[in-house]
Amino acid sequence: MSSLRMKSLLLTVVLLIVFLGIWEMVVQPPERTEALTEYELLIGGADQEARVPPPSKVIELAIQEIGNPFYDAGPNDKGIGIQLGYSLYRVLTGFFLAFLIAIPIGFLIGMSPLMYQSLNPFIQVLRPISPLAWMPLALFVIKDSELSAIFVIFICSIWPMLANTAFGVAGVREDWLKVASTHELSPLRTAFTVILPAAAPTILTGMRISIGIAWLVIVAAEMLVGGTGIGYYVWNEWNNLDLTSVIFSIVMIGLVGMLLDLLLSSAIRLVEYKE
């Protein structure tokens, strides 16, 4: 490991410790010297629950939840592993369906100016629409909350992949295409042996953007449709005024999102062309 990486890792740990220490001190409840009134005794418990918890409480809950992530005690009491599993299933299903549609259409648009001019108006109209705006229509047409959430992920994932694929394909160096033409390669073989390797970093960048957006959207979608998933978990714990679980789930959302991003960023480094 390089010296710069060691220093940056050390600085990250120090900043995290400082942040947690300040948080721990700031949220501690003030000490009271006078006796509590009867009314305060009645509402004191609820007031205490409403306080922002210190990080020590969040860490304590995290150890407990991660120690048994797949417990199932009923519809409203499932482990964090089950909740994340449902969310990842929806995200990856919608993402894969978007991949199947976006990559071929992106190739078509990137290789054909005619198709670009024909499809671009539709793309420009549909792309800015918030994915969650499709949720009511999806629920009405599909009549299934699970499939509706997957459809919303599909909608939000398709545009970055499609745009980056088209951009990467259109940006392939002209001399490489001339070499393929000289060797009389068919369009299909040219696409797989010349264009795809050259455009792969740009395509994977689009996929990286898509997976990040999809993970953002699934949390909001699950808050709307309920049932299971990390978004529902956050909303359910908020309704229970369990802020410790809310903060823990927020941390888990961030960690899973970071892991998904790291996987695709590693894939990008593998296919990057270095002269």
C-alpha atoms as a PDB file:
ATOM      1  CA  MET A   1       0.000   0.000   0.000  1.00  0.00           C
ATOM      2  CA  SER A   2       1.378   3.411  -0.993  1.00  0.00           C
ATOM      3  CA  SER A   3       2.279   6.081   1.515  1.00  0.00           C
ATOM      4  CA  LEU A   4      -0.502   8.351   0.240  1.00  0.00           C
ATOM      5  CA  ARG A   5      -3.140   5.649   0.697  1.00  0.00           C
ATOM      6  CA  MET A   6      -1.899   4.893   4.218  1.00  0.00           C
ATOM      7  CA  LYS A   7      -2.044   8.575   5.142  1.00  0.00           C
ATOM      8  CA  SER A   8      -5.524   9.004   3.648  1.00  0.00           C
ATOM      9  CA  LEU A   9      -6.776   5.897   5.493  1.00  0.00           C
ATOM     10  CA  LEU A  10      -5.329   7.166   8.767  1.00  0.00           C
ATOM     11  CA  LEU A  11      -6.907  10.589   8.246  1.00  0.00           C
ATOM     12  CA  THR A  12     -10.266   8.949   7.470  1.00  0.00           C
ATOM     13  CA  VAL A  13     -10.148   6.965  10.721  1.00  0.00           C
ATOM     14  CA  VAL A  14      -9.178  10.062  12.723  1.00  0.00           C
ATOM     15  CA  LEU A  15     -11.997  12.132  11.198  1.00  0.00           C
ATOM     16  CA  LEU A  16     -14.494   9.345  11.898  1.00  0.00           C
ATOM     17  CA  ILE A  17     -13.415   9.112  15.543  1.00  0.00           C
ATOM     18  CA  VAL A  18     -13.622  12.895  15.953  1.00  0.00           C
ATOM     19  CA  PHE A  19     -17.077  12.984  14.339  1.00  0.00           C
ATOM     20  CA  LEU A  20     -18.395  10.157  16.534  1.00  0.00           C
ATOM     21  CA  GLY A  21     -16.891  11.753  19.642  1.00  0.00           C
ATOM     22  CA  ILE A  22     -18.528  15.125  18.940  1.00  0.00           C
ATOM     23  CA  TRP A  23     -21.846  13.406  18.159  1.00  0.00           C
ATOM     24  CA  GLU A  24     -21.655  11.393  21.408  1.00  0.00           C
ATOM     25  CA  MET A  25     -21.082  14.533  23.485  1.00  0.00           C
ATOM     26  CA  VAL A  26     -23.629  16.744  21.721  1.00  0.00           C
ATOM     27  CA  VAL A  27     -26.619  14.400  22.004  1.00  0.00           C
ATOM     28  CA  GLN A  28     -26.154  13.489  25.658  1.00  0.00           C
ATOM     29  CA  PRO A  29     -29.274  14.583  27.611  1.00  0.00           C
ATOM     30  CA  PRO A  30     -28.702  17.438  30.077  1.00  0.00           C
ATOM     31  CA  GLU A  31     -28.430  16.502  33.737  1.00  0.00           C
ATOM     32  CA  ARG A  32     -31.310  17.556  35.971  1.00  0.00           C
ATOM     33  CA  THR A  33     -30.909  18.454  39.596  1.00  0.00           C
ATOM     34  CA  GLU A  34     -34.549  19.104  40.492  1.00  0.00           C
ATOM     35  CA  ALA A  35     -37.085  16.337  40.922  1.00  0.00           C
ATOM     36  CA  LEU A  36     -39.337  15.467  38.020  1.00  0.00           C
ATOM     37  CA  THR A  37     -42.979  16.440  38.240  1.00  0.00           C
ATOM     38  CA  GLU A  38     -45.700  13.817  37.954  1.00  0.00           C
ATOM     39  CA  TYR A  39     -46.513  15.039  34.409  1.00  0.00           C
ATOM     40  CA  GLU A  40     -42.843  14.834  33.383  1.00  0.00           C
ATOM     41  CA  LEU A  41     -42.662  11.307  34.741  1.00  0.00           C
ATOM     42  CA  LEU A  42     -45.636  10.376  32.545  1.00  0.00           C
ATOM     43  CA  ILE A  43     -44.213  11.860  29.337  1.00  0.00           C
ATOM     44  CA  GLY A  44     -40.525  11.486  30.143  1.00  0.00           C
ATOM     45  CA  GLY A  45     -40.203   8.078  28.530  1.00  0.00           C
ATOM     46  CA  ALA A  46     -41.673   9.256  25.239  1.00  0.00           C
ATOM     47  CA  ASP A  47     -39.526  12.383  25.299  1.00  0.00           C
ATOM     48  CA  GLN A  48     -36.407  10.309  25.859  1.00  0.00           C
ATOM     49  CA  GLU A  49     -37.290   8.058  22.938  1.00  0.00           C
ATOM     50  CA  ALA A  50     -37.600  11.078  20.666  1.00  0.00           C
ATOM     51  CA  ARG A  51     -34.027  12.194  21.304  1.00  0.00           C
ATOM     52  CA  VAL A  52     -31.348  11.655  18.668  1.00  0.00           C
ATOM     53  CA  PRO A  53     -29.426   8.629  19.973  1.00  0.00           C
ATOM     54  CA  PRO A  54     -25.666   8.721  20.547  1.00  0.00           C
ATOM     55  CA  PRO A  55     -23.431   6.644  18.265  1.00  0.00           C
ATOM     56  CA  SER A  56     -22.774   4.188  21.117  1.00  0.00           C
ATOM     57  CA  LYS A  57     -26.454   3.172  21.004  1.00  0.00           C
ATOM     58  CA  VAL A  58     -26.337   2.826  17.196  1.00  0.00           C
ATOM     59  CA  ILE A  59     -23.200   0.667  17.410  1.00  0.00           C
ATOM     60  CA  GLU A  60     -24.831  -1.472  20.101  1.00  0.00           C
ATOM     61  CA  LEU A  61     -27.877  -2.016  17.863  1.00  0.00           C
ATOM     62  CA  ALA A  62     -25.647  -2.698  14.840  1.00  0.00           C
ATOM     63  CA  ILE A  63     -23.812  -5.480  16.711  1.00  0.00           C
ATOM     64  CA  GLN A  64     -27.143  -6.993  17.710  1.00  0.00           C
ATOM     65  CA  GLU A  65     -28.670  -6.765  14.201  1.00  0.00           C
ATOM     66  CA  ILE A  66     -25.591  -7.954  12.315  1.00  0.00           C
ATOM     67  CA  GLY A  67     -25.236 -10.826  14.787  1.00  0.00           C
ATOM     68  CA  ASN A  68     -28.631 -12.170  13.685  1.00  0.00           C
ATOM     69  CA  PRO A  69     -29.436 -10.521  10.334  1.00  0.00           C
ATOM     70  CA  PHE A  70     -31.941 -13.068   9.021  1.00  0.00           C
ATOM     71  CA  TYR A  71     -34.414 -13.486  11.859  1.00  0.00           C
ATOM     72  CA  ASP A  72     -38.095 -13.374  10.929  1.00  0.00           C
ATOM     73  CA  ALA A  73     -40.554 -12.571  13.707  1.00  0.00           C
ATOM     74  CA  GLY A  74     -43.480 -11.542  11.499  1.00  0.00           C
ATOM     75  CA  PRO A  75     -44.336  -9.097   8.722  1.00  0.00           C
ATOM     76  CA  ASN A  76     -43.160  -6.006  10.640  1.00  0.00           C
ATOM     77  CA  ASP A  77     -40.153  -7.532  12.380  1.00  0.00           C
ATOM     78  CA  LYS A  78     -37.505  -8.949  10.059  1.00  0.00           C
ATOM     79  CA  GLY A  79     -33.734  -8.846  10.270  1.00  0.00           C
ATOM     80  CA  ILE A  80     -31.656  -6.298   8.408  1.00  0.00           C
ATOM     81  CA  GLY A  81     -30.276  -9.029   6.132  1.00  0.00           C
ATOM     82  CA  ILE A  82     -33.778  -9.946   4.947  1.00  0.00           C
ATOM     83  CA  GLN A  83     -34.701  -6.297   4.381  1.00  0.00           C
ATOM     84  CA  LEU A  84     -31.534  -5.599   2.392  1.00  0.00           C
ATOM     85  CA  GLY A  85     -31.999  -8.853   0.474  1.00  0.00           C
ATOM     86  CA  TYR A  86     -35.451  -7.837  -0.757  1.00  0.00           C
ATOM     87  CA  SER A  87     -34.178  -4.403  -1.784  1.00  0.00           C
ATOM     88  CA  LEU A  88     -31.148  -5.819  -3.600  1.00  0.00           C
ATOM     89  CA  TYR A  89     -33.357  -8.334  -5.414  1.00  0.00           C
ATOM     90  CA  ARG A  90     -35.601  -5.540  -6.715  1.00  0.00           C
ATOM     91  CA  VAL A  91     -32.672  -3.313  -7.647  1.00  0.00           C
ATOM     92  CA  LEU A  92     -30.725  -6.023  -9.464  1.00  0.00           C
ATOM     93  CA  THR A  93     -33.814  -7.340 -11.275  1.00  0.00           C
ATOM     94  CA  GLY A  94     -34.802  -3.897 -12.572  1.00  0.00           C
ATOM     95  CA  PHE A  95     -31.158  -3.089 -13.337  1.00  0.00           C
ATOM     96  CA  PHE A  96     -30.689  -6.310 -15.344  1.00  0.00           C
ATOM     97  CA  LEU A  97     -33.875  -5.708 -17.336  1.00  0.00           C
ATOM     98  CA  ALA A  98     -32.701  -2.170 -18.110  1.00  0.00           C
ATOM     99  CA  PHE A  99     -29.335  -3.591 -19.186  1.00  0.00           C
ATOM    100  CA  LEU A 100     -31.043  -5.952 -21.658  1.00  0.00           C
ATOM    101  CA  ILE A 101     -32.886  -3.037 -23.275  1.00  0.00           C
ATOM    102  CA  ALA A 102     -30.418  -0.148 -22.937  1.00  0.00           C
ATOM    103  CA  ILE A 103     -27.271  -1.798 -24.330  1.00  0.00           C
ATOM    104  CA  PRO A 104     -28.716  -2.956 -27.700  1.00  0.00           C
ATOM    105  CA  ILE A 105     -30.605   0.320 -28.228  1.00  0.00           C
ATOM    106  CA  GLY A 106     -27.518   2.295 -27.201  1.00  0.00           C
ATOM    107  CA  PHE A 107     -25.459   0.399 -29.785  1.00  0.00           C
ATOM    108  CA  LEU A 108     -28.105   1.070 -32.421  1.00  0.00           C
ATOM    109  CA  ILE A 109     -28.210   4.783 -31.646  1.00  0.00           C
ATOM    110  CA  GLY A 110     -24.416   5.076 -31.481  1.00  0.00           C
ATOM    111  CA  MET A 111     -23.862   3.291 -34.804  1.00  0.00           C
ATOM    112  CA  SER A 112     -26.711   4.884 -36.756  1.00  0.00           C
ATOM    113  CA  PRO A 113     -27.209   8.668 -37.035  1.00  0.00           C
ATOM    114  CA  LEU A 114     -30.662   7.968 -38.476  1.00  0.00           C
ATOM    115  CA  MET A 115     -31.746   6.019 -35.385  1.00  0.00           C
ATOM    116  CA  TYR A 116     -30.242   8.714 -33.156  1.00  0.00           C
ATOM    117  CA  GLN A 117     -32.302  11.438 -34.829  1.00  0.00           C
ATOM    118  CA  SER A 118     -35.435   9.260 -34.705  1.00  0.00           C
ATOM    119  CA  LEU A 119     -35.228   8.125 -31.068  1.00  0.00           C
ATOM    120  CA  ASN A 120     -33.655  11.183 -29.480  1.00  0.00           C
ATOM    121  CA  PRO A 121     -36.963  13.123 -29.090  1.00  0.00           C
ATOM    122  CA  PHE A 122     -38.509  10.221 -27.145  1.00  0.00           C
ATOM    123  CA  ILE A 123     -35.429   9.920 -24.939  1.00  0.00           C
ATOM    124  CA  GLN A 124     -35.327  13.645 -24.200  1.00  0.00           C
ATOM    125  CA  VAL A 125     -39.001  13.643 -23.147  1.00  0.00           C
ATOM    126  CA  LEU A 126     -38.878  10.503 -20.984  1.00  0.00           C
ATOM    127  CA  ARG A 127     -35.442  10.904 -19.388  1.00  0.00           C
ATOM    128  CA  PRO A 128     -36.192  13.918 -17.118  1.00  0.00           C
ATOM    129  CA  ILE A 129     -39.315  12.319 -15.592  1.00  0.00           C
ATOM    130  CA  SER A 130     -38.781  11.369 -11.953  1.00  0.00           C
ATOM    131  CA  PRO A 131     -38.894   7.580 -11.577  1.00  0.00           C
ATOM    132  CA  LEU A 132     -41.292   7.895  -8.632  1.00  0.00           C
ATOM    133  CA  ALA A 133     -43.759   9.738 -10.877  1.00  0.00           C
ATOM    134  CA  TRP A 134     -44.276   6.389 -12.632  1.00  0.00           C
ATOM    135  CA  MET A 135     -45.217   4.601  -9.398  1.00  0.00           C
ATOM    136  CA  PRO A 136     -48.970   5.440  -9.331  1.00  0.00           C
ATOM    137  CA  LEU A 137     -49.367   4.419 -12.978  1.00  0.00           C
ATOM    138  CA  ALA A 138     -47.339   1.240 -12.394  1.00  0.00           C
ATOM    139  CA  LEU A 139     -49.469   0.305  -9.379  1.00  0.00           C
ATOM    140  CA  PHE A 140     -52.663   0.893 -11.379  1.00  0.00           C
ATOM    141  CA  VAL A 141     -51.557  -1.077 -14.453  1.00  0.00           C
ATOM    142  CA  ILE A 142     -49.482  -3.846 -12.863  1.00  0.00           C
ATOM    143  CA  LYS A 143     -51.527  -4.101  -9.634  1.00  0.00           C
ATOM    144  CA  ASP A 144     -48.571  -5.561  -7.760  1.00  0.00           C
ATOM    145  CA  SER A 145     -46.315  -3.530  -5.460  1.00  0.00           C
ATOM    146  CA  GLU A 146     -43.303  -5.814  -5.956  1.00  0.00           C
ATOM    147  CA  LEU A 147     -43.410  -5.630  -9.761  1.00  0.00           C
ATOM    148  CA  SER A 148     -44.189  -1.912  -9.623  1.00  0.00           C
ATOM    149  CA  ALA A 149     -41.035  -1.267  -7.580  1.00  0.00           C
ATOM    150  CA  ILE A 150     -38.997  -3.306 -10.084  1.00  0.00           C
ATOM    151  CA  PHE A 151     -40.533  -1.323 -12.949  1.00  0.00           C
ATOM    152  CA  VAL A 152     -39.520   1.956 -11.292  1.00  0.00           C
ATOM    153  CA  ILE A 153     -35.943   0.661 -10.936  1.00  0.00           C
ATOM    154  CA  PHE A 154     -36.009  -0.349 -14.605  1.00  0.00           C
ATOM    155  CA  ILE A 155     -37.122   3.155 -15.630  1.00  0.00           C
ATOM    156  CA  CYS A 156     -34.480   4.963 -13.584  1.00  0.00           C
ATOM    157  CA  SER A 157     -31.679   2.587 -14.636  1.00  0.00           C
ATOM    158  CA  ILE A 158     -32.208   2.579 -18.378  1.00  0.00           C
ATOM    159  CA  TRP A 159     -31.352   6.189 -19.256  1.00  0.00           C
ATOM    160  CA  PRO A 160     -27.741   6.493 -17.969  1.00  0.00           C
ATOM    161  CA  MET A 161     -26.876   3.114 -19.500  1.00  0.00           C
ATOM    162  CA  LEU A 162     -28.477   3.972 -22.819  1.00  0.00           C
ATOM    163  CA  ALA A 163     -26.879   7.426 -23.057  1.00  0.00           C
ATOM    164  CA  ASN A 164     -23.405   6.234 -22.082  1.00  0.00           C
ATOM    165  CA  THR A 165     -23.584   3.251 -24.427  1.00  0.00           C
ATOM    166  CA  ALA A 166     -24.576   5.461 -27.347  1.00  0.00           C
ATOM    167  CA  PHE A 167     -21.839   7.967 -26.473  1.00  0.00           C
ATOM    168  CA  GLY A 168     -19.194   5.261 -26.117  1.00  0.00           C
ATOM    169  CA  VAL A 169     -20.154   3.520 -29.357  1.00  0.00           C
ATOM    170  CA  ALA A 170     -20.244   6.782 -31.312  1.00  0.00           C
ATOM    171  CA  GLY A 171     -16.842   7.748 -29.929  1.00  0.00           C
ATOM    172  CA  VAL A 172     -14.945   4.666 -31.147  1.00  0.00           C
ATOM    173  CA  ARG A 173     -11.911   5.745 -33.175  1.00  0.00           C
ATOM    174  CA  GLU A 174     -12.540   5.918 -36.891  1.00  0.00           C
ATOM    175  CA  ASP A 175      -9.297   4.183 -37.826  1.00  0.00           C
ATOM    176  CA  TRP A 176     -10.305   1.083 -35.809  1.00  0.00           C
ATOM    177  CA  LEU A 177     -13.555   0.889 -37.758  1.00  0.00           C
ATOM    178  CA  LYS A 178     -11.645   1.281 -41.020  1.00  0.00           C
ATOM    179  CA  VAL A 179      -9.413  -1.651 -40.082  1.00  0.00           C
ATOM    180  CA  ALA A 180     -12.499  -3.764 -39.392  1.00  0.00           C
ATOM    181  CA  SER A 181     -13.931  -2.729 -42.747  1.00  0.00           C
ATOM    182  CA  THR A 182     -10.670  -3.593 -44.486  1.00  0.00           C
ATOM    183  CA  HIS A 183     -10.846  -7.084 -43.011  1.00  0.00           C
ATOM    184  CA  GLU A 184     -14.460  -7.299 -44.223  1.00  0.00           C
ATOM    185  CA  LEU A 185     -15.883  -7.989 -40.779  1.00  0.00           C
ATOM    186  CA  SER A 186     -19.663  -8.162 -40.572  1.00  0.00           C
ATOM    187  CA  PRO A 187     -21.458  -5.406 -38.598  1.00  0.00           C
ATOM    188  CA  LEU A 188     -22.256  -7.883 -35.819  1.00  0.00           C
ATOM    189  CA  ARG A 189     -18.651  -9.068 -35.538  1.00  0.00           C
ATOM    190  CA  THR A 190     -17.408  -5.493 -35.696  1.00  0.00           C
ATOM    191  CA  ALA A 191     -19.747  -4.613 -32.830  1.00  0.00           C
ATOM    192  CA  PHE A 192     -18.463  -7.440 -30.614  1.00  0.00           C
ATOM    193  CA  THR A 193     -14.755  -7.459 -31.475  1.00  0.00           C
ATOM    194  CA  VAL A 194     -14.037  -3.767 -32.067  1.00  0.00           C
ATOM    195  CA  ILE A 195     -16.759  -1.469 -30.763  1.00  0.00           C
ATOM    196  CA  LEU A 196     -17.682  -3.291 -27.533  1.00  0.00           C
ATOM    197  CA  PRO A 197     -14.113  -3.496 -26.125  1.00  0.00           C
ATOM    198  CA  ALA A 198     -13.468   0.142 -27.050  1.00  0.00           C
ATOM    199  CA  ALA A 199     -16.743   1.400 -25.558  1.00  0.00           C
ATOM    200  CA  ALA A 200     -16.711  -0.891 -22.498  1.00  0.00           C
ATOM    201  CA  PRO A 201     -15.345   1.699 -19.999  1.00  0.00           C
ATOM    202  CA  THR A 202     -18.006   4.225 -21.018  1.00  0.00           C
ATOM    203  CA  ILE A 203     -20.762   1.583 -20.906  1.00  0.00           C
ATOM    204  CA  LEU A 204     -19.683   0.458 -17.433  1.00  0.00           C
ATOM    205  CA  THR A 205     -19.610   4.081 -16.282  1.00  0.00           C
ATOM    206  CA  GLY A 206     -23.247   4.348 -17.329  1.00  0.00           C
ATOM    207  CA  MET A 207     -24.005   1.145 -15.431  1.00  0.00           C
ATOM    208  CA  ARG A 208     -22.231   2.565 -12.382  1.00  0.00           C
ATOM    209  CA  ILE A 209     -24.368   5.698 -12.510  1.00  0.00           C
ATOM    210  CA  SER A 210     -27.493   3.584 -13.008  1.00  0.00           C
ATOM    211  CA  ILE A 211     -26.902   1.313 -10.015  1.00  0.00           C
ATOM    212  CA  GLY A 212     -26.345   4.340  -7.783  1.00  0.00           C
ATOM    213  CA  ILE A 213     -29.591   5.958  -8.907  1.00  0.00           C
ATOM    214  CA  ALA A 214     -31.441   2.645  -8.587  1.00  0.00           C
ATOM    215  CA  TRP A 215     -30.292   2.199  -4.990  1.00  0.00           C
ATOM    216  CA  LEU A 216     -31.461   5.741  -4.186  1.00  0.00           C
ATOM    217  CA  VAL A 217     -34.848   5.206  -5.800  1.00  0.00           C
ATOM    218  CA  ILE A 218     -35.623   1.800  -4.249  1.00  0.00           C
ATOM    219  CA  VAL A 219     -35.495   3.286  -0.750  1.00  0.00           C
ATOM    220  CA  ALA A 220     -38.097   5.913  -1.658  1.00  0.00           C
ATOM    221  CA  ALA A 221     -40.191   3.414  -3.616  1.00  0.00           C
ATOM    222  CA  GLU A 222     -40.331   0.978  -0.701  1.00  0.00           C
ATOM    223  CA  MET A 223     -41.425   3.781   1.605  1.00  0.00           C
ATOM    224  CA  LEU A 224     -44.405   4.283  -0.712  1.00  0.00           C
ATOM    225  CA  VAL A 225     -45.422   0.669  -1.335  1.00  0.00           C
ATOM    226  CA  GLY A 226     -44.497  -0.811   2.060  1.00  0.00           C
ATOM    227  CA  GLY A 227     -44.165  -4.526   2.681  1.00  0.00           C
ATOM    228  CA  THR A 228     -40.474  -5.395   2.953  1.00  0.00           C
ATOM    229  CA  GLY A 229     -37.169  -3.821   2.042  1.00  0.00           C
ATOM    230  CA  ILE A 230     -34.763  -1.363   3.572  1.00  0.00           C
ATOM    231  CA  GLY A 231     -36.932   1.622   2.593  1.00  0.00           C
ATOM    232  CA  TYR A 232     -39.931   0.119   4.375  1.00  0.00           C
ATOM    233  CA  TYR A 233     -37.675  -0.698   7.339  1.00  0.00           C
ATOM    234  CA  VAL A 234     -36.652   2.968   7.667  1.00  0.00           C
ATOM    235  CA  TRP A 235     -40.243   4.191   7.434  1.00  0.00           C
ATOM    236  CA  ASN A 236     -41.566   1.575   9.855  1.00  0.00           C
ATOM    237  CA  GLU A 237     -38.921   2.387  12.468  1.00  0.00           C
ATOM    238  CA  TRP A 238     -39.663   6.095  12.076  1.00  0.00           C
ATOM    239  CA  ASN A 239     -43.349   5.390  12.739  1.00  0.00           C
ATOM    240  CA  ASN A 240     -42.229   3.549  15.870  1.00  0.00           C
ATOM    241  CA  LEU A 241     -40.073   6.580  16.841  1.00  0.00           C
ATOM    242  CA  ASP A 242     -37.054   4.268  17.013  1.00  0.00           C
ATOM    243  CA  LEU A 243     -34.413   6.720  15.819  1.00  0.00           C
ATOM    244  CA  THR A 244     -31.600   4.340  16.697  1.00  0.00           C
ATOM    245  CA  SER A 245     -32.881   1.843  14.110  1.00  0.00           C
ATOM    246  CA  VAL A 246     -33.458   4.662  11.607  1.00  0.00           C
ATOM    247  CA  ILE A 247     -29.841   5.837  11.872  1.00  0.00           C
ATOM    248  CA  PHE A 248     -28.563   2.254  11.729  1.00  0.00           C
ATOM    249  CA  SER A 249     -30.562   1.597   8.548  1.00  0.00           C
ATOM    250  CA  ILE A 250     -29.264   4.840   6.994  1.00  0.00           C
ATOM    251  CA  VAL A 251     -25.690   3.669   7.643  1.00  0.00           C
ATOM    252  CA  MET A 252     -26.470   0.269   6.093  1.00  0.00           C
ATOM    253  CA  ILE A 253     -27.980   1.934   3.008  1.00  0.00           C
ATOM    254  CA  GLY A 254     -24.793   3.953   2.586  1.00  0.00           C
ATOM    255  CA  LEU A 255     -22.506   0.940   3.042  1.00  0.00           C
ATOM    256  CA  VAL A 256     -24.402  -1.231   0.548  1.00  0.00           C
ATOM    257  CA  GLY A 257     -24.483   1.646  -1.958  1.00  0.00           C
ATOM    258  CA  MET A 258     -20.731   2.089  -1.540  1.00  0.00           C
ATOM    259  CA  LEU A 259     -20.123  -1.639  -2.149  1.00  0.00           C
ATOM    260  CA  LEU A 260     -22.233  -1.619  -5.321  1.00  0.00           C
ATOM    261  CA  ASP A 261     -20.294   1.394  -6.581  1.00  0.00           C
ATOM    262  CA  LEU A 262     -16.948  -0.228  -5.737  1.00  0.00           C
ATOM    263  CA  LEU A 263     -17.854  -3.377  -7.670  1.00  0.00           C
ATOM    264  CA  LEU A 264     -18.579  -1.456 -10.856  1.00  0.00           C
ATOM    265  CA  SER A 265     -15.648   0.927 -10.442  1.00  0.00           C
ATOM    266  CA  SER A 266     -13.374  -2.134 -10.157  1.00  0.00           C
ATOM    267  CA  ALA A 267     -14.923  -3.529 -13.346  1.00  0.00           C
ATOM    268  CA  ILE A 268     -14.209  -0.226 -15.110  1.00  0.00           C
ATOM    269  CA  ARG A 269     -10.538  -0.396 -14.140  1.00  0.00           C
ATOM    270  CA  LEU A 270     -10.315  -3.936 -15.526  1.00  0.00           C
ATOM    271  CA  VAL A 271     -11.523  -2.913 -19.014  1.00  0.00           C
ATOM    272  CA  GLU A 272      -9.796   0.461 -19.289  1.00  0.00           C
ATOM    273  CA  TYR A 273      -7.462   0.704 -22.249  1.00  0.00           C
ATOM    274  CA  LYS A 274      -4.008   1.938 -21.295  1.00  0.00           C
ATOM    275  CA  GLU A 275      -1.744   3.061 -24.129  1.00  0.00           C
END
